[in-house]
Protein backbone atom coordinates (compact mmCIF):
# COMPACT_ATOMS: atom_id res chain seq x y z
CA MET A 1 105.63 95.21 126.91
CA ASP A 2 107.42 98.54 127.24
CA LEU A 3 108.72 99.59 123.83
CA ARG A 4 111.37 101.79 125.44
CA THR A 5 113.26 98.67 126.52
CA LEU A 6 113.87 97.55 122.93
CA PRO A 7 117.19 98.36 121.23
CA VAL A 8 117.29 101.66 119.34
CA SER A 9 117.41 100.01 115.90
CA GLN A 10 114.23 98.03 116.62
CA ARG A 11 112.44 101.14 117.89
CA VAL A 12 113.47 103.04 114.75
CA ASN A 13 112.18 100.15 112.60
CA LEU A 14 108.86 100.32 114.47
CA LEU A 15 108.69 104.06 113.79
CA VAL A 16 109.41 103.53 110.08
CA LYS A 17 106.67 100.86 109.88
CA ALA A 18 104.24 103.20 111.65
CA LEU A 19 105.02 105.97 109.13
CA ASP A 20 104.00 103.70 106.24
CA GLY A 21 100.51 104.89 105.39
CA ALA A 22 100.45 107.73 107.95
CA LYS A 23 99.25 110.38 105.52
CA ARG A 24 99.38 113.45 107.80
CA THR A 25 102.82 112.63 109.17
CA ASN A 26 104.22 111.96 105.71
CA GLU A 27 102.78 115.25 104.44
CA ALA A 28 104.37 117.06 107.40
CA LEU A 29 107.72 115.41 106.62
CA ALA A 30 107.44 116.45 102.96
CA ARG A 31 106.80 120.09 103.96
CA CYS A 32 109.89 120.25 106.19
CA GLN A 33 112.53 122.71 105.02
CA ASP A 34 115.51 120.80 106.44
CA GLY A 35 116.57 117.83 108.52
CA GLU A 36 116.04 119.64 111.84
CA ALA A 37 112.37 120.18 111.04
CA MET A 38 112.09 116.51 110.06
CA LEU A 39 113.58 115.53 113.42
CA ASP A 40 110.90 117.56 115.19
CA VAL A 41 108.12 115.75 113.31
CA LEU A 42 109.74 112.35 113.90
CA LEU A 43 110.27 113.03 117.61
CA ASP A 44 106.59 113.92 117.93
CA ALA A 45 105.61 110.69 116.16
CA SER A 46 107.98 108.72 118.40
CA SER A 47 106.48 110.20 121.55
CA ARG A 48 102.91 109.49 120.36
CA LEU A 49 103.88 105.85 119.77
CA GLY A 50 105.65 105.60 123.11
CA LEU A 51 108.99 104.65 121.56
CA GLY A 52 111.08 107.08 123.60
CA LEU A 53 113.54 107.88 120.81
CA SER A 54 115.85 110.83 121.28
CA ARG A 55 117.01 113.32 118.67
CA ARG A 56 120.44 111.68 118.75
CA ASP A 57 118.93 108.21 118.22
CA LEU A 58 117.18 109.44 115.09
CA GLU A 59 120.23 111.32 113.77
CA ASN A 60 122.48 108.27 114.04
CA THR A 61 120.25 105.32 113.08
CA PRO A 62 119.46 104.32 109.49
CA PRO A 63 117.20 104.72 107.58
CA ILE A 64 116.09 107.94 109.29
CA ARG A 65 119.70 109.16 109.44
CA ASP A 66 119.85 108.84 105.64
CA TRP A 67 116.54 110.64 105.18
CA ILE A 68 117.87 113.57 107.19
CA TRP A 69 121.12 113.65 105.21
CA TRP A 70 119.14 113.61 101.98
CA LYS A 71 116.84 116.42 103.13
CA ASN A 72 119.91 118.49 104.06
CA LYS A 73 121.41 117.75 100.61
CA GLU A 74 124.34 115.89 102.18
CA ALA A 75 125.34 112.56 100.71
CA PRO A 76 126.19 109.80 103.16
CA LEU A 77 129.18 108.86 100.99
CA THR A 78 131.41 111.45 99.42
CA ILE A 79 134.50 111.09 97.29
CA GLY A 80 137.26 113.55 96.66
CA ASP A 81 136.18 117.15 97.00
CA ARG A 82 132.93 116.37 98.86
CA LYS A 83 130.95 115.70 95.68
CA PRO A 84 128.07 113.33 96.39
CA ARG A 85 128.70 109.91 94.82
CA TYR A 86 125.56 109.97 92.69
CA GLN A 87 126.91 113.07 90.88
CA GLN A 88 130.14 111.30 89.99
CA ASP A 89 128.76 107.97 88.79
CA GLY A 90 128.79 108.87 85.09
CA GLY A 91 132.49 109.71 85.02
CA GLN A 92 133.58 107.23 87.67
CA GLY A 93 134.87 110.14 89.74
CA ARG A 94 137.35 111.41 87.11
CA ALA A 95 137.14 114.93 85.76
CA GLY A 96 136.47 115.04 82.03
CA SER A 97 135.96 111.30 81.73
CA SER A 98 133.28 109.91 79.48
CA GLY A 99 133.18 106.42 80.93
CA SER A 100 136.52 104.90 80.00
CA ALA A 101 139.74 106.05 81.66
CA GLU A 102 142.23 105.60 78.80
CA GLY A 103 140.44 106.11 75.51
CA ASP A 104 138.99 102.86 74.16
CA LYS A 105 141.04 100.41 76.25
CA PRO A 106 138.86 97.92 78.12
CA ARG A 107 138.81 98.18 81.90
CA ARG A 108 140.88 95.67 83.80
CA ARG A 109 138.87 93.58 86.19
CA PHE A 110 139.96 92.41 89.60
CA LEU A 111 138.40 89.06 90.35
CA GLY A 112 139.54 88.94 93.97
CA LEU A 113 140.64 86.06 96.09
CA PHE A 114 137.27 84.87 97.32
């Protein structure tokens, strides 16, 4: 079976599974300075496995897309002034907030319609 005929997401999943336990490749990924260097290592691994993934496939398909964003210090989800979400979690995205929006009032909950 030719692996190049599989959908991109399945080929990326095969690459991720192949990376599990691949000590030299994982060490090379850890030494990379940025996402572009990671893409080079991943493209080499893809070609050795015969997956035929392109740079664009890797840049746009999770989880590798997220690894590249993380290596480049870019959060996949940003709020407001481009602050990564994980930096805003403590204050719920409000400047100067210590958890509760209006003093000691309890938060109102929306239970939804479903």
